[in-house]
Amino acid sequence: MLALYWRKFVLPYRSLVSTAIFCFIIASVAGLAAPIIIKILIDGALAKGDMSYLSTITGGIVVLYFIRGIFFYIYGLTMAKAGNESLSKMRQSMFDKLQSLDYAYFVNMPAGEIISLFTNDLWLIQQAVTLGIPDLLVESLNLLATMLIMIYFDWQLALVTFITLPFIIAAIAFFNKRIALMGTLVEHTLAKLTGILHQSLLSVRVVQSYVREDYEYQKFSLKIYQVAGDYLKVQRLNAILVPLVEFLAALGLTIIIWFGGREVINGSLSIGGMFAFLVYIINVPAPVRKISQAISMMKLGTVAWQRIGSLRQQSSMIQEGDKELKQVTGKVEFKNVSFSYSPDLGILKDINIAANPGDIIAIVGPSGAGKSSFANLLLRFYDPTGGSIYLDDVDIRTYTTQSVRKYMGFIQQDPILFNATIFENIRYGRPSASYSQVERVAKLANAHDFIMELPKGYNSVIGELGSNLSGGQRQRLAIARAIIMEPSILILDEPTASLDAHAEKQVMEAIRNASVGRTTFIITHRLSTLNAADTIVYLDHGRIVEMGTHTELLAKDGYYAKAVQLQELHV
């Protein structure tokens, strides 16, 4: 899977990556050459007592490490740039995929999990691709070159070294495997922690109104301590690994000093050669550790990519059409429509409704009757499990979902507004709208007067989810935002459910203004406001049990009439 990431999100920046790896190799070669220069220095300048030669060699070492530093700097900079650009492209690709998924995905996937994909998991992939893979390649070559040079200097001494080296490699591999496993647990816990934080921020009013701050604190703290505990286990393993590797390296170094010292005494190895050999020995654990860390990074990156892959491989449940809807008169027809969210839970059954352009259709019934499913089906958040919905006598599944939604204005019970100005919120559905157009729809929505009473008028920022406005004000802004799109069909899902009588009156006046010339579906349990509806559809247990005008249904003295009487008794 990381190979797919490399091909799609790293290869476009191959010039940067190639430059970075080239610089890394040059810097590594400079590091490998340093012990050889030191050997020449000891066996040549020091042994002969030549000061000019000593000055030349030591100056060469300074230049060598200066060059090494420059190339390491270029490596770090170019790799960081490639990684950041790759990560940005990946985020854009994921967000584009996210926007293409249907509503059902977001209902079933916690927001915290999605946020974690964009933060923790992407960071792990970036680490694996921009650090793990290059380190694995370059450090493997570095280790191989070091071993070949050691063999060149003294194959017998190198053999002694290679006998001790596997113990260091085994220790690093053992601990890094467990570190990677614990790191995966930390990432999963962090994802849950993000979810708790996100939910707490969205529901702060509920938390405070129910005086549940302590409960939320305890829940959040529990996850924090779990993350801290898991992270401490990772650090504990690291704390054991570092001194253990150092001890094994020191043990190996001691053995090498003994064998090497014997060869120096015997005259088969020069002092400079012995010193250079020791420098190489000291440097061996570093590439071994980096190789092991790179493998751990790649394992974590693979796990992260698998999690992201679940998003990338997610397919839409909506049957996407291939035609663009160009014009709509507003004729809507449900023919034998059935719908269920799961096979064993039927919501709507054999629904037949016809609405002509300009009609006002009210969908009413008790809670759980399936009213809101009408909005979900019309907006193509879901497709019917049986029957078809027709728009101007054509099955809406024939068209692309976006082209269908462009002709529909949707207002829900709790309108979602953005933390931006009123002007930006109203023209959200039509970014090219002018100030005069925004003002015109605000007047139709009965919102202009209260907007002008605000200190900055249309430039007033309304806060997160419109928190600076009342429920009725938010609803009227939502109506203005819907009608600025000039939709042929309006869908209102419980638009006055949470409003008082005064706010309801203002919103209903705005709805009447907005519905002129448009086919309008009003989903509501407020039956007192339905006098103007052309057709009232009464649902019970997912079936249409009554249909007619307000007067006709009252005369029948059936479900609707009894519901009206019951509401009037409670007014």
Protein backbone atom coordinates (compact mmCIF):
# COMPACT_ATOMS: atom_id res chain seq x y z
CA MET A 1 0.00 0.00 0.00
CA LEU A 2 2.87 2.37 0.74
CA ALA A 3 4.08 1.65 -2.80
CA LEU A 4 0.79 3.10 -4.09
CA TYR A 5 1.29 6.18 -1.92
CA TRP A 6 4.87 6.52 -3.19
CA ARG A 7 3.71 6.28 -6.82
CA LYS A 8 0.79 8.67 -6.50
CA PHE A 9 1.94 11.20 -3.94
CA VAL A 10 5.75 11.08 -3.92
CA LEU A 11 6.82 10.41 -7.52
CA PRO A 12 5.38 13.77 -8.66
CA TYR A 13 8.10 15.29 -6.45
CA ARG A 14 10.81 12.86 -7.55
CA SER A 15 13.21 15.68 -8.44
CA LEU A 16 13.09 16.91 -4.82
CA VAL A 17 13.30 13.38 -3.44
CA SER A 18 16.20 12.49 -5.77
CA THR A 19 18.07 15.66 -4.77
CA ALA A 20 17.51 14.84 -1.10
CA ILE A 21 18.75 11.25 -1.44
CA PHE A 22 21.76 12.38 -3.48
CA CYS A 23 22.68 14.90 -0.76
CA PHE A 24 22.21 12.22 1.89
CA ILE A 25 24.56 9.88 0.03
CA ILE A 26 27.22 12.61 -0.37
CA ALA A 27 26.94 13.45 3.34
CA SER A 28 27.24 9.75 4.22
CA VAL A 29 30.26 9.30 1.95
CA ALA A 30 31.88 12.27 3.68
CA GLY A 31 31.23 10.60 7.02
CA LEU A 32 32.71 7.31 5.74
CA ALA A 33 35.81 9.12 4.45
CA ALA A 34 36.57 10.83 7.78
CA PRO A 35 38.08 7.75 9.52
CA ILE A 36 40.31 7.12 6.49
CA ILE A 37 41.64 10.68 6.73
CA ILE A 38 42.18 10.20 10.46
CA LYS A 39 44.17 7.03 9.74
CA ILE A 40 46.36 8.98 7.28
CA LEU A 41 46.77 11.70 9.90
CA ILE A 42 47.90 9.29 12.63
CA ASP A 43 50.10 7.06 10.48
CA GLY A 44 51.50 9.93 8.43
CA ALA A 45 51.63 13.36 10.09
CA LEU A 46 51.87 12.23 13.71
CA ALA A 47 54.31 9.40 13.08
CA LYS A 48 56.60 11.60 10.96
CA GLY A 49 56.17 14.76 13.04
CA ASP A 50 55.29 16.80 9.94
CA MET A 51 53.44 19.97 11.11
CA SER A 52 52.50 21.19 7.61
CA TYR A 53 51.09 17.77 6.78
CA LEU A 54 49.23 17.80 10.12
CA SER A 55 47.73 21.23 9.33
CA THR A 56 46.68 20.11 5.86
CA ILE A 57 45.01 16.93 7.09
CA THR A 58 43.18 18.57 10.01
CA GLY A 59 42.03 21.36 7.71
CA GLY A 60 40.76 18.69 5.34
CA ILE A 61 38.73 17.11 8.13
CA VAL A 62 37.12 20.49 8.93
CA VAL A 63 36.28 21.03 5.24
CA LEU A 64 34.95 17.50 4.95
CA TYR A 65 32.55 17.88 7.87
CA PHE A 66 31.55 21.36 6.66
CA ILE A 67 30.61 19.85 3.29
CA ARG A 68 28.82 17.02 5.11
CA GLY A 69 26.82 19.59 7.12
CA ILE A 70 25.83 21.52 3.98
CA PHE A 71 24.62 18.39 2.22
CA PHE A 72 22.72 17.23 5.31
CA TYR A 73 21.05 20.66 5.46
CA ILE A 74 20.00 20.44 1.80
CA TYR A 75 18.77 16.89 2.39
CA GLY A 76 16.63 17.92 5.36
CA LEU A 77 15.20 20.96 3.59
CA THR A 78 14.35 19.25 0.29
CA MET A 79 12.90 16.17 2.00
CA ALA A 80 10.76 18.36 4.25
CA LYS A 81 9.50 20.29 1.23
CA ALA A 82 8.70 17.10 -0.68
CA GLY A 83 6.98 15.65 2.39
CA ASN A 84 4.88 18.75 3.03
CA GLU A 85 3.79 19.05 -0.59
CA SER A 86 3.04 15.34 -0.76
CA LEU A 87 1.05 15.51 2.48
CA SER A 88 -0.91 18.52 1.21
CA LYS A 89 -1.77 16.68 -2.00
CA MET A 90 -2.81 13.65 0.02
CA ARG A 91 -5.04 15.76 2.26
CA GLN A 92 -6.65 17.36 -0.79
CA SER A 93 -7.26 13.95 -2.34
CA MET A 94 -8.79 12.63 0.88
CA PHE A 95 -10.99 15.69 1.34
CA ASP A 96 -12.16 15.40 -2.27
CA LYS A 97 -13.03 11.75 -1.60
CA LEU A 98 -14.78 12.73 1.61
CA GLN A 99 -16.95 15.25 -0.23
CA SER A 100 -17.97 12.62 -2.76
CA LEU A 101 -19.25 10.15 -0.16
CA ASP A 102 -22.94 9.91 0.54
CA TYR A 103 -24.72 10.95 3.70
CA ALA A 104 -24.88 7.40 5.07
CA TYR A 105 -21.09 7.28 5.50
CA PHE A 106 -21.09 10.30 7.82
CA VAL A 107 -23.99 8.91 9.83
CA ASN A 108 -22.04 5.72 10.56
CA MET A 109 -18.50 7.13 10.91
CA PRO A 110 -17.64 9.14 14.07
CA ALA A 111 -16.27 12.59 13.26
CA GLY A 112 -13.31 12.04 15.57
CA GLU A 113 -12.21 9.03 13.51
CA ILE A 114 -12.33 11.09 10.32
CA ILE A 115 -10.34 13.93 11.91
CA SER A 116 -7.77 11.40 13.14
CA LEU A 117 -7.30 10.17 9.55
CA PHE A 118 -6.39 13.71 8.49
CA THR A 119 -3.98 14.29 11.38
CA ASN A 120 -2.34 11.29 13.07
CA ASP A 121 -2.57 8.79 10.22
CA LEU A 122 -1.36 11.16 7.53
CA TRP A 123 1.56 12.17 9.73
CA LEU A 124 2.54 8.50 10.16
CA ILE A 125 2.43 7.98 6.39
CA GLN A 126 4.54 11.07 5.82
CA GLN A 127 7.10 9.79 8.35
CA ALA A 128 7.17 6.37 6.68
CA VAL A 129 7.57 7.68 3.13
CA THR A 130 9.78 10.72 3.58
CA LEU A 131 11.96 9.33 6.39
CA GLY A 132 11.43 5.58 6.66
CA ILE A 133 11.97 4.54 3.04
CA PRO A 134 14.95 6.89 2.36
CA ASP A 135 16.59 5.90 5.66
CA LEU A 136 16.11 2.22 4.91
CA LEU A 137 17.71 2.56 1.47
CA VAL A 138 20.53 4.96 2.30
CA GLU A 139 21.43 3.58 5.73
CA SER A 140 21.51 0.05 4.34
CA LEU A 141 24.02 1.24 1.73
CA ASN A 142 25.88 3.15 4.45
CA LEU A 143 26.09 0.03 6.64
CA LEU A 144 27.19 -2.12 3.70
CA ALA A 145 29.90 0.40 2.73
CA THR A 146 31.13 0.56 6.35
CA MET A 147 31.37 -3.22 6.53
CA LEU A 148 33.26 -3.43 3.20
CA ILE A 149 35.76 -0.77 4.37
CA MET A 150 36.26 -2.65 7.62
CA ILE A 151 36.94 -5.86 5.67
CA TYR A 152 39.40 -3.92 3.50
CA PHE A 153 41.28 -2.69 6.59
CA ASP A 154 41.43 -6.04 8.38
CA TRP A 155 39.14 -8.94 7.46
CA GLN A 156 39.93 -10.88 10.64
CA LEU A 157 39.07 -7.97 12.90
CA ALA A 158 35.97 -7.32 10.77
CA LEU A 159 34.90 -10.93 11.28
CA VAL A 160 35.13 -10.49 15.05
CA THR A 161 32.98 -7.36 14.70
CA PHE A 162 30.36 -9.14 12.61
CA ILE A 163 30.06 -11.83 15.29
CA THR A 164 29.01 -9.22 17.88
CA LEU A 165 26.90 -7.13 15.48
CA PRO A 166 23.91 -9.56 15.23
CA PHE A 167 23.31 -9.23 18.99
CA ILE A 168 22.94 -5.47 18.61
CA ILE A 169 20.66 -5.90 15.58
CA ALA A 170 18.52 -8.49 17.40
CA ALA A 171 18.11 -6.22 20.45
CA ILE A 172 17.11 -3.25 18.32
CA ALA A 173 14.68 -5.35 16.22
CA PHE A 174 13.12 -6.91 19.33
CA PHE A 175 12.44 -3.62 21.04
CA ASN A 176 11.43 -1.68 17.92
CA LYS A 177 8.83 -4.33 17.08
CA ARG A 178 7.21 -3.77 20.45
CA ILE A 179 7.61 0.00 20.17
CA ALA A 180 5.77 -0.11 16.81
CA LEU A 181 2.97 -2.20 18.35
CA MET A 182 2.56 0.20 21.26
CA GLY A 183 2.72 3.13 18.84
CA THR A 184 -0.27 1.66 16.97
CA LEU A 185 -2.23 1.44 20.23
CA VAL A 186 -1.35 5.06 21.00
CA GLU A 187 -2.67 6.14 17.58
CA HIS A 188 -5.96 4.32 18.07
CA THR A 189 -6.42 5.86 21.50
CA LEU A 190 -5.56 9.30 20.13
CA ALA A 191 -8.29 8.84 17.50
CA LYS A 192 -10.83 8.14 20.25
CA LEU A 193 -9.53 11.10 22.25
CA THR A 194 -10.03 13.35 19.21
CA GLY A 195 -13.58 12.04 18.90
CA ILE A 196 -14.39 12.87 22.53
CA LEU A 197 -12.96 16.37 22.14
CA HIS A 198 -14.90 16.98 18.92
CA GLN A 199 -18.17 15.76 20.43
CA SER A 200 -17.64 17.81 23.57
CA LEU A 201 -17.07 20.99 21.58
CA LEU A 202 -20.19 20.45 19.49
CA SER A 203 -22.38 19.70 22.50
CA VAL A 204 -21.03 22.31 24.92
CA ARG A 205 -24.51 23.80 25.52
CA VAL A 206 -25.94 20.40 26.42
CA VAL A 207 -22.97 19.63 28.67
CA GLN A 208 -23.29 22.90 30.54
CA SER A 209 -27.09 22.86 30.76
CA TYR A 210 -27.04 19.37 32.29
CA VAL A 211 -24.10 20.27 34.56
CA ARG A 212 -22.07 17.39 33.13
CA GLU A 213 -18.71 19.17 32.96
CA ASP A 214 -17.23 16.81 35.56
CA TYR A 215 -18.42 13.76 33.64
CA GLU A 216 -16.91 15.03 30.37
CA TYR A 217 -13.71 15.92 32.23
CA GLN A 218 -13.48 12.43 33.70
CA LYS A 219 -14.16 10.79 30.32
CA PHE A 220 -11.53 12.94 28.61
CA SER A 221 -9.05 12.46 31.44
CA LEU A 222 -9.49 8.69 31.28
CA LYS A 223 -8.42 8.69 27.63
CA ILE A 224 -5.58 11.13 28.34
CA TYR A 225 -4.20 8.81 31.02
CA GLN A 226 -4.65 5.86 28.67
CA VAL A 227 -2.65 7.70 25.98
CA ALA A 228 -0.07 8.76 28.56
CA GLY A 229 0.17 5.18 29.87
CA ASP A 230 0.64 3.70 26.41
CA TYR A 231 3.12 6.41 25.50
CA LEU A 232 5.01 5.76 28.75
CA LYS A 233 5.31 2.11 27.73
CA VAL A 234 6.83 3.24 24.44
CA GLN A 235 9.26 5.50 26.27
CA ARG A 236 10.09 2.73 28.73
CA LEU A 237 11.02 0.45 25.85
CA ASN A 238 13.13 3.24 24.34
CA ALA A 239 14.73 3.84 27.73
CA ILE A 240 15.76 0.17 27.87
CA LEU A 241 16.83 0.01 24.24
CA VAL A 242 19.31 2.90 24.24
CA PRO A 243 21.50 1.80 27.20
CA LEU A 244 21.22 -1.86 26.11
CA VAL A 245 22.50 -1.04 22.63
CA GLU A 246 25.23 1.13 24.14
CA PHE A 247 26.25 -1.71 26.48
CA LEU A 248 26.35 -4.25 23.65
CA ALA A 249 28.25 -1.78 21.49
CA ALA A 250 30.71 -1.12 24.34
CA LEU A 251 31.11 -4.87 24.89
CA GLY A 252 31.77 -5.37 21.20
CA LEU A 253 34.12 -2.38 21.19
CA THR A 254 36.06 -3.86 24.13
CA ILE A 255 36.46 -7.13 22.28
CA ILE A 256 37.62 -5.26 19.17
CA ILE A 257 40.10 -3.20 21.21
CA TRP A 258 41.59 -6.39 22.64
CA PHE A 259 41.92 -8.15 19.28
CA GLY A 260 42.94 -4.95 17.47
CA GLY A 261 45.44 -4.03 20.16
CA ARG A 262 47.04 -7.46 19.84
CA GLU A 263 47.41 -6.94 16.08
CA VAL A 264 48.99 -3.51 16.63
CA ILE A 265 51.44 -5.03 19.10
CA ASN A 266 52.21 -7.78 16.62
CA GLY A 267 52.76 -5.15 13.90
CA SER A 268 50.05 -6.47 11.55
CA LEU A 269 47.88 -3.35 12.01
CA SER A 270 48.95 0.29 12.28
CA ILE A 271 47.80 2.53 15.10
CA GLY A 272 45.98 4.75 12.55
CA GLY A 273 44.25 1.70 11.09
CA MET A 274 43.23 0.58 14.55
CA PHE A 275 41.86 4.05 15.37
CA ALA A 276 39.95 4.29 12.06
CA PHE A 277 38.56 0.79 12.61
CA LEU A 278 37.30 1.82 16.05
CA VAL A 279 35.59 4.91 14.58
CA TYR A 280 33.77 2.66 12.09
CA ILE A 281 32.79 0.30 14.91
CA ILE A 282 31.40 3.19 16.95
CA ASN A 283 29.41 4.37 13.92
CA VAL A 284 27.90 0.95 13.10
CA PRO A 285 25.00 1.04 15.67
CA ALA A 286 23.69 4.34 14.23
CA PRO A 287 22.70 2.99 10.76
CA VAL A 288 21.47 -0.25 12.37
CA ARG A 289 19.22 1.76 14.71
CA LYS A 290 17.99 3.97 11.86
CA ILE A 291 17.24 0.94 9.67
CA SER A 292 15.23 -0.62 12.50
CA GLN A 293 13.41 2.66 13.15
CA ALA A 294 12.71 2.96 9.42
CA ILE A 295 11.15 -0.50 9.41
CA SER A 296 9.01 0.48 12.43
CA MET A 297 7.97 3.71 10.67
CA MET A 298 6.98 1.72 7.60
CA LYS A 299 4.93 -0.70 9.72
CA LEU A 300 3.08 2.15 11.41
CA GLY A 301 2.71 3.87 8.05
CA THR A 302 1.22 0.69 6.58
CA VAL A 303 -1.34 0.51 9.39
CA ALA A 304 -2.19 4.18 8.86
CA TRP A 305 -2.47 3.67 5.09
CA GLN A 306 -4.84 0.74 5.68
CA ARG A 307 -7.04 3.01 7.80
CA ILE A 308 -6.97 5.71 5.15
CA GLY A 309 -7.50 3.02 2.52
CA SER A 310 -10.87 2.26 4.11
CA LEU A 311 -11.84 5.83 3.29
CA ARG A 312 -10.35 5.78 -0.21
CA GLN A 313 -12.04 2.47 -1.04
CA GLN A 314 -15.40 3.55 0.35
CA SER A 315 -18.00 3.37 -2.39
CA SER A 316 -21.17 5.42 -2.56
CA MET A 317 -24.48 3.73 -1.90
CA ILE A 318 -26.17 6.22 -4.22
CA GLN A 319 -26.73 5.18 -7.82
CA GLU A 320 -25.05 8.09 -9.62
CA GLY A 321 -26.69 9.11 -12.90
CA ASP A 322 -24.80 10.25 -15.97
CA LYS A 323 -27.01 13.11 -17.13
CA GLU A 324 -26.96 16.75 -16.02
CA LEU A 325 -30.31 18.21 -15.02
CA LYS A 326 -30.65 21.49 -16.93
CA GLN A 327 -34.15 22.69 -16.09
CA VAL A 328 -36.90 21.78 -13.64
CA THR A 329 -40.55 22.80 -13.62
CA GLY A 330 -41.11 21.31 -10.17
CA LYS A 331 -43.27 18.27 -10.91
CA VAL A 332 -42.46 15.54 -8.38
CA GLU A 333 -43.90 12.05 -8.15
CA PHE A 334 -43.31 9.18 -5.76
CA LYS A 335 -44.33 5.86 -7.37
CA ASN A 336 -44.60 2.82 -5.10
CA VAL A 337 -41.64 4.08 -3.07
CA SER A 338 -40.35 1.97 -0.21
CA PHE A 339 -37.30 2.65 1.90
CA SER A 340 -35.37 1.15 4.79
CA TYR A 341 -32.05 1.98 6.45
CA SER A 342 -31.44 -1.72 7.02
CA PRO A 343 -33.03 -4.88 5.55
CA ASP A 344 -34.95 -5.69 8.74
CA LEU A 345 -36.21 -2.15 9.41
CA GLY A 346 -38.77 -0.81 6.92
CA ILE A 347 -39.33 2.97 7.11
CA LEU A 348 -41.55 3.81 4.11
CA LYS A 349 -43.86 1.38 2.33
CA ASP A 350 -45.62 1.80 -1.03
CA ILE A 351 -45.67 5.61 -1.05
CA ASN A 352 -47.52 7.27 -3.94
CA ILE A 353 -47.60 11.07 -4.04
CA ALA A 354 -47.82 13.51 -6.97
CA ALA A 355 -46.99 17.22 -6.71
CA ASN A 356 -47.45 19.66 -9.57
CA PRO A 357 -45.32 22.78 -10.03
CA GLY A 358 -46.14 25.32 -7.31
CA ASP A 359 -47.98 22.87 -5.04
CA ILE A 360 -47.48 22.88 -1.28
CA ILE A 361 -47.37 19.34 0.08
CA ALA A 362 -47.36 18.77 3.83
CA ILE A 363 -45.98 15.51 5.24
CA VAL A 364 -47.31 14.93 8.77
CA GLY A 365 -47.63 12.12 11.24
CA PRO A 366 -46.39 10.91 14.62
CA SER A 367 -42.71 10.60 15.49
CA GLY A 368 -41.08 7.66 13.75
CA ALA A 369 -43.64 7.59 10.96
CA GLY A 370 -40.93 8.20 8.30
CA LYS A 371 -41.49 11.89 7.59
CA SER A 372 -37.85 12.98 7.42
CA SER A 373 -37.05 10.12 5.06
CA PHE A 374 -38.93 12.09 2.38
CA ALA A 375 -36.31 14.84 2.58
CA ASN A 376 -33.47 12.30 2.54
CA LEU A 377 -34.86 10.62 -0.57
CA LEU A 378 -35.66 13.81 -2.48
CA LEU A 379 -32.18 15.20 -1.80
CA ARG A 380 -30.72 11.82 -2.73
CA PHE A 381 -28.98 11.31 0.57
CA TYR A 382 -30.39 7.82 0.11
CA ASP A 383 -32.03 5.96 -2.77
CA PRO A 384 -35.37 4.14 -2.46
CA THR A 385 -35.11 0.42 -1.78
CA GLY A 386 -38.26 -0.01 -3.89
CA GLY A 387 -40.11 2.08 -6.46
CA SER A 388 -38.90 5.35 -7.99
CA ILE A 389 -39.02 9.11 -7.55
CA TYR A 390 -39.65 11.13 -10.70
CA LEU A 391 -38.71 14.72 -11.42
CA ASP A 392 -40.56 16.12 -14.42
CA ASP A 393 -41.47 12.51 -15.34
CA VAL A 394 -37.84 11.32 -15.30
CA ASP A 395 -36.37 9.03 -12.62
CA ILE A 396 -34.04 11.21 -10.53
CA ARG A 397 -31.49 8.38 -10.53
CA THR A 398 -30.95 9.21 -14.21
CA TYR A 399 -29.28 12.49 -13.22
CA THR A 400 -26.13 13.31 -11.27
CA THR A 401 -26.82 14.01 -7.60
CA GLN A 402 -25.25 17.47 -7.73
CA SER A 403 -27.36 18.62 -10.68
CA VAL A 404 -30.52 17.44 -8.86
CA ARG A 405 -29.61 19.22 -5.63
CA LYS A 406 -28.96 22.49 -7.44
CA TYR A 407 -32.69 22.78 -8.01
CA MET A 408 -33.66 22.00 -4.43
CA GLY A 409 -33.59 24.31 -1.44
CA PHE A 410 -33.34 22.52 1.90
CA ILE A 411 -34.18 24.01 5.29
CA GLN A 412 -33.91 21.78 8.35
CA GLN A 413 -35.06 22.07 11.94
CA ASP A 414 -31.65 23.08 13.28
CA PRO A 415 -30.04 24.97 10.41
CA ILE A 416 -26.28 24.68 10.11
CA LEU A 417 -24.73 28.12 9.73
CA PHE A 418 -21.04 28.92 9.40
CA ASN A 419 -18.83 31.09 11.57
CA ALA A 420 -18.76 33.84 8.95
CA THR A 421 -20.67 37.00 8.10
CA ILE A 422 -24.40 36.99 7.39
CA PHE A 423 -23.62 38.03 3.83
CA GLU A 424 -21.32 35.01 3.34
CA ASN A 425 -23.84 32.63 4.94
CA ILE A 426 -26.74 33.72 2.75
CA ARG A 427 -24.83 33.51 -0.51
CA TYR A 428 -23.24 30.17 0.39
CA GLY A 429 -25.44 28.40 -2.14
CA ARG A 430 -24.66 31.00 -4.82
CA PRO A 431 -21.16 32.45 -4.35
CA SER A 432 -21.58 34.87 -7.26
CA ALA A 433 -24.61 36.60 -5.70
CA SER A 434 -24.36 40.37 -5.36
CA TYR A 435 -25.16 42.43 -2.29
CA SER A 436 -28.49 43.52 -3.75
CA GLN A 437 -29.45 39.90 -4.47
CA VAL A 438 -28.57 38.89 -0.93
CA GLU A 439 -30.61 41.76 0.45
CA ARG A 440 -33.59 40.85 -1.76
CA VAL A 441 -33.78 37.25 -0.53
CA ALA A 442 -33.24 38.41 3.06
CA LYS A 443 -36.35 40.57 2.72
CA LEU A 444 -38.31 37.64 1.26
CA ALA A 445 -37.17 35.54 4.20
CA ASN A 446 -38.31 38.22 6.65
CA ALA A 447 -34.70 38.60 7.87
CA HIS A 448 -33.64 42.03 6.58
CA ASP A 449 -34.98 44.03 9.54
CA PHE A 450 -33.19 42.09 12.26
CA ILE A 451 -29.98 42.01 10.16
CA MET A 452 -29.97 45.79 9.90
CA GLU A 453 -30.37 46.07 13.68
CA LEU A 454 -27.02 44.30 14.16
CA PRO A 455 -23.97 46.58 14.62
CA LYS A 456 -22.39 45.57 11.29
CA GLY A 457 -25.51 44.59 9.40
CA TYR A 458 -24.80 42.02 6.70
CA ASN A 459 -21.12 42.04 7.71
CA SER A 460 -21.90 40.78 11.22
CA VAL A 461 -20.15 37.51 12.13
CA ILE A 462 -22.74 35.13 13.58
CA GLY A 463 -20.47 32.76 15.56
CA GLU A 464 -20.07 28.99 15.47
CA LEU A 465 -23.28 27.40 14.12
CA GLY A 466 -24.94 30.83 14.34
CA SER A 467 -24.67 30.91 18.13
CA ASN A 468 -25.06 34.71 18.23
CA LEU A 469 -28.59 34.53 16.78
CA SER A 470 -31.92 33.27 18.04
CA GLY A 471 -33.54 30.13 16.65
CA GLY A 472 -36.03 32.09 14.54
CA GLN A 473 -33.27 34.33 13.15
CA ARG A 474 -31.16 31.32 12.20
CA GLN A 475 -34.13 29.72 10.50
CA ARG A 476 -34.88 32.83 8.43
CA LEU A 477 -31.24 33.06 7.34
CA ALA A 478 -31.47 29.42 6.29
CA ILE A 479 -34.54 30.22 4.22
CA ALA A 480 -32.73 33.15 2.58
CA ARG A 481 -29.76 30.89 1.84
CA ALA A 482 -32.06 28.33 0.24
CA ILE A 483 -34.03 30.68 -2.00
CA ILE A 484 -30.98 32.59 -3.27
CA MET A 485 -30.25 29.42 -5.25
CA GLU A 486 -33.58 30.01 -7.02
CA PRO A 487 -34.63 26.39 -6.51
CA SER A 488 -37.65 24.88 -8.20
CA ILE A 489 -38.36 22.73 -5.15
CA LEU A 490 -38.28 23.69 -1.46
CA ILE A 491 -37.94 21.05 1.25
CA LEU A 492 -38.59 22.15 4.82
CA ASP A 493 -37.96 19.58 7.54
CA GLU A 494 -39.65 20.68 10.78
CA PRO A 495 -38.83 24.36 10.14
CA THR A 496 -40.74 25.67 13.17
CA ALA A 497 -40.45 22.74 15.58
CA SER A 498 -38.25 24.50 18.13
CA LEU A 499 -39.67 28.03 17.81
CA ASP A 500 -42.02 30.00 20.00
CA ALA A 501 -45.29 31.39 18.64
CA HIS A 502 -43.83 34.80 17.66
CA ALA A 503 -40.79 33.32 15.90
CA GLU A 504 -43.00 30.70 14.24
CA LYS A 505 -45.24 33.39 12.81
CA GLN A 506 -42.25 35.23 11.32
CA VAL A 507 -40.76 32.05 9.89
CA MET A 508 -44.08 30.89 8.40
CA GLU A 509 -44.47 34.27 6.74
CA ALA A 510 -40.97 33.82 5.29
CA ILE A 511 -41.90 30.31 4.11
CA ARG A 512 -45.03 31.61 2.38
CA ASN A 513 -42.95 34.24 0.59
CA ALA A 514 -40.30 31.70 -0.37
CA SER A 515 -42.76 29.06 -1.62
CA VAL A 516 -44.46 31.27 -4.20
CA GLY A 517 -43.98 29.64 -7.61
CA ARG A 518 -42.09 26.69 -6.13
CA THR A 519 -43.10 23.13 -5.34
CA THR A 520 -42.82 22.97 -1.57
CA PHE A 521 -42.67 20.02 0.78
CA ILE A 522 -43.24 20.88 4.45
CA ILE A 523 -42.40 18.10 6.90
CA THR A 524 -43.89 19.06 10.24
CA HIS A 525 -45.82 18.05 13.30
CA ARG A 526 -47.19 21.61 13.76
CA LEU A 527 -50.61 21.02 12.20
CA SER A 528 -52.06 24.46 12.94
CA THR A 529 -49.98 26.04 10.17
CA LEU A 530 -51.15 23.81 7.31
CA ASN A 531 -54.28 25.63 6.14
CA ALA A 532 -52.53 26.78 2.97
CA ALA A 533 -51.25 23.30 1.98
CA ASP A 534 -52.67 21.96 -1.29
CA THR A 535 -52.26 18.38 -0.06
CA ILE A 536 -51.66 16.99 3.39
CA VAL A 537 -50.17 13.49 3.58
CA TYR A 538 -50.61 11.73 6.90
CA LEU A 539 -48.14 8.92 7.60
CA ASP A 540 -48.40 6.21 10.19
CA HIS A 541 -45.80 3.43 10.51
CA GLY A 542 -44.37 4.31 7.12
CA ARG A 543 -47.66 4.12 5.20
CA ILE A 544 -49.99 6.82 3.88
CA VAL A 545 -53.19 6.45 5.86
CA GLU A 546 -54.83 9.74 4.79
CA MET A 547 -54.37 12.33 2.06
CA GLY A 548 -56.27 15.51 1.23
CA THR A 549 -56.66 19.19 2.07
CA HIS A 550 -56.88 20.51 5.61
CA THR A 551 -60.68 20.92 5.31
CA GLU A 552 -61.20 17.48 3.74
CA LEU A 553 -59.20 15.69 6.38
CA LEU A 554 -60.94 17.49 9.23
CA ALA A 555 -64.27 16.41 7.74
CA LYS A 556 -63.12 12.76 7.66
CA ASP A 557 -62.58 12.88 11.42
CA GLY A 558 -59.72 10.40 11.06
CA TYR A 559 -56.04 10.37 12.01
CA TYR A 560 -55.40 13.97 11.00
CA ALA A 561 -58.51 15.41 12.65
CA LYS A 562 -57.72 13.63 15.92
CA ALA A 563 -54.12 14.88 15.81
CA VAL A 564 -55.31 18.48 15.25
CA GLN A 565 -57.77 18.21 18.14
CA LEU A 566 -55.06 16.77 20.40
CA GLN A 567 -52.65 19.62 19.59
CA GLU A 568 -55.35 22.24 20.14
CA LEU A 569 -56.07 20.76 23.56
CA HIS A 570 -52.43 21.25 24.51
CA VAL A 571 -52.07 24.78 23.16
